[in-house]
Amino acid sequence: MLVFDRGLLYAYAQKHTARAIFWPDLESGSLRTVEAPAGVAADSLLTTLDKTGKTSLGVRGRYAVVFHGLSTPLTAGAGHAGEPGAPTPGFFTFSTERTPDRLVTAMQQAMAESGLLPPGSAGLQALAPIQISSATRLDQA
């Protein structure tokens, strides 16, 4: 996953198969990190009521970065979440074996620079992972 000034690039093989999620397509306050017990893939514990409500963007890992995608006018544009065959707005998870603090900080900084987070926001720091040990619904109020 690559963080850039306008969003996240999560798949790239050739120009026509690139997949990106742009910052306006994300609910900025939904960014979270979770940590599963050793030997357990965090993504396997994260569920939604609708089976198409979660898109996994990474490999298996004990840690996961989670955020919620929105339905916006940008989702109709080419090359990102609104393109046919690409994920629909919902929850996105990116798993990793390493703590994702640098990734989260880079995402928050890029969101702030694009105007989605207020500059100097208290959220501009690595988020402490939420410990999970059993199935956890992302879409629960």
Protein backbone atom coordinates (compact mmCIF):
# COMPACT_ATOMS: atom_id res chain seq x y z
CA MET A 1 0.00 0.00 0.00
CA LEU A 2 1.33 3.43 -0.96
CA VAL A 3 0.20 6.67 0.66
CA PHE A 4 0.20 9.65 -1.68
CA ASP A 5 -1.11 13.22 -1.47
CA ARG A 6 -4.56 12.37 -2.86
CA GLY A 7 -5.14 8.93 -1.32
CA LEU A 8 -3.97 5.32 -1.13
CA LEU A 9 -2.71 3.13 -3.95
CA TYR A 10 -3.45 -0.46 -2.98
CA ALA A 11 -3.00 -2.43 -6.20
CA TYR A 12 -0.84 -1.74 -9.19
CA ALA A 13 0.30 -4.07 -11.94
CA GLN A 14 -0.27 -1.92 -15.00
CA LYS A 15 -1.94 1.43 -15.62
CA HIS A 16 -5.34 -0.16 -16.34
CA THR A 17 -5.28 -2.34 -13.21
CA ALA A 18 -4.26 0.30 -10.68
CA ARG A 19 -6.61 0.66 -7.69
CA ALA A 20 -6.69 3.69 -5.44
CA ILE A 21 -8.90 5.15 -2.75
CA PHE A 22 -8.96 8.95 -2.63
CA TRP A 23 -9.11 10.84 0.68
CA PRO A 24 -12.58 12.34 0.04
CA ASP A 25 -13.83 8.74 -0.34
CA LEU A 26 -12.89 7.99 3.29
CA GLU A 27 -14.54 8.86 6.56
CA SER A 28 -11.46 10.41 8.19
CA GLY A 29 -12.64 9.75 11.76
CA SER A 30 -13.03 6.03 11.09
CA LEU A 31 -9.30 5.26 10.91
CA ARG A 32 -8.44 2.61 13.53
CA THR A 33 -5.85 -0.07 14.18
CA VAL A 34 -6.47 -3.45 15.72
CA GLU A 35 -4.22 -6.16 17.13
CA ALA A 36 -5.11 -9.84 17.30
CA PRO A 37 -3.45 -12.44 19.53
CA ALA A 38 -0.16 -13.93 18.31
CA GLY A 39 -0.74 -16.42 15.49
CA VAL A 40 -4.19 -15.02 14.59
CA ALA A 41 -4.87 -12.92 11.49
CA ALA A 42 -6.61 -9.72 12.60
CA ASP A 43 -8.60 -9.51 9.35
CA SER A 44 -10.16 -12.92 10.01
CA LEU A 45 -11.71 -11.55 13.22
CA LEU A 46 -13.19 -8.44 11.54
CA THR A 47 -16.66 -8.96 10.08
CA THR A 48 -19.60 -6.99 8.73
CA LEU A 49 -23.29 -7.85 8.59
CA ASP A 50 -23.16 -7.77 4.78
CA LYS A 51 -20.43 -10.06 3.40
CA THR A 52 -19.59 -7.47 0.73
CA GLY A 53 -19.22 -4.76 3.39
CA LYS A 54 -15.49 -5.38 3.95
CA THR A 55 -12.61 -5.33 1.49
CA SER A 56 -9.23 -6.73 2.53
CA LEU A 57 -6.34 -4.83 0.95
CA GLY A 58 -3.33 -6.62 2.35
CA VAL A 59 -1.79 -9.87 3.37
CA ARG A 60 -2.55 -11.76 6.57
CA GLY A 61 -1.11 -10.31 9.74
CA ARG A 62 -1.62 -9.83 13.42
CA TYR A 63 -2.29 -6.08 12.99
CA ALA A 64 -4.84 -4.35 10.77
CA VAL A 65 -5.58 -0.77 9.78
CA VAL A 66 -9.32 -0.25 9.34
CA PHE A 67 -11.22 2.64 7.75
CA HIS A 68 -14.65 3.27 6.27
CA GLY A 69 -15.17 4.26 2.65
CA LEU A 70 -17.97 6.66 1.72
CA SER A 71 -20.15 6.93 -1.33
CA THR A 72 -19.05 10.22 -2.93
CA PRO A 73 -19.10 11.77 -6.42
CA LEU A 74 -15.48 10.61 -6.80
CA THR A 75 -16.50 6.96 -6.56
CA ALA A 76 -17.81 7.24 -10.12
CA GLY A 77 -14.33 8.19 -11.44
CA ALA A 78 -11.88 5.78 -13.02
CA GLY A 79 -9.02 4.03 -11.27
CA HIS A 80 -10.34 3.73 -7.74
CA ALA A 81 -13.04 2.28 -5.55
CA GLY A 82 -15.92 3.24 -7.88
CA GLU A 83 -14.57 1.48 -10.97
CA PRO A 84 -16.36 -1.72 -12.11
CA GLY A 85 -14.76 -4.73 -10.44
CA ALA A 86 -13.26 -2.57 -7.70
CA PRO A 87 -14.54 -2.63 -4.13
CA THR A 88 -17.66 -0.68 -3.28
CA PRO A 89 -17.73 1.78 -0.38
CA GLY A 90 -17.70 0.00 2.95
CA PHE A 91 -14.98 -1.02 5.37
CA PHE A 92 -11.42 -1.51 4.19
CA THR A 93 -8.78 -3.45 6.11
CA PHE A 94 -5.05 -3.62 5.53
CA SER A 95 -3.28 -6.34 7.50
CA THR A 96 0.39 -6.52 8.39
CA GLU A 97 2.71 -8.45 10.68
CA ARG A 98 4.33 -5.22 11.89
CA THR A 99 2.73 -2.50 13.97
CA PRO A 100 1.15 -0.06 11.50
CA ASP A 101 2.00 3.14 13.39
CA ARG A 102 4.10 4.62 10.55
CA LEU A 103 1.39 3.86 7.98
CA VAL A 104 -1.33 5.42 10.12
CA THR A 105 0.76 8.52 10.80
CA ALA A 106 1.49 8.91 7.06
CA MET A 107 -2.23 8.52 6.25
CA GLN A 108 -3.25 11.09 8.86
CA GLN A 109 -0.64 13.57 7.68
CA ALA A 110 -1.70 13.21 4.04
CA MET A 111 -5.38 13.61 5.03
CA ALA A 112 -4.54 16.75 7.01
CA GLU A 113 -2.53 18.20 4.12
CA SER A 114 -5.48 17.60 1.78
CA GLY A 115 -7.81 19.41 4.21
CA LEU A 116 -9.72 16.42 5.60
CA LEU A 117 -8.29 16.71 9.11
CA PRO A 118 -7.73 20.03 10.87
CA PRO A 119 -4.02 20.97 11.00
CA GLY A 120 -2.54 20.21 14.40
CA SER A 121 -5.35 17.76 15.11
CA ALA A 122 -4.87 15.62 18.18
CA GLY A 123 -5.37 12.64 15.86
CA LEU A 124 -2.08 13.24 14.07
CA GLN A 125 -0.23 10.50 15.89
CA ALA A 126 0.01 6.75 15.77
CA LEU A 127 -3.14 5.13 17.11
CA ALA A 128 -2.76 2.54 19.84
CA PRO A 129 -4.09 -0.76 18.43
CA ILE A 130 -7.39 -1.97 19.86
CA GLN A 131 -6.93 -5.51 21.21
CA ILE A 132 -9.39 -8.02 19.73
CA SER A 133 -9.57 -11.74 20.44
CA SER A 134 -12.90 -12.80 18.95
CA ALA A 135 -15.12 -11.88 15.99
CA THR A 136 -15.71 -8.12 15.96
CA ARG A 137 -18.39 -6.44 13.82
CA LEU A 138 -17.15 -3.29 12.09
CA ASP A 139 -20.62 -2.03 11.23
CA GLN A 140 -22.02 -2.21 14.74
CA ALA A 141 -23.13 1.12 16.18
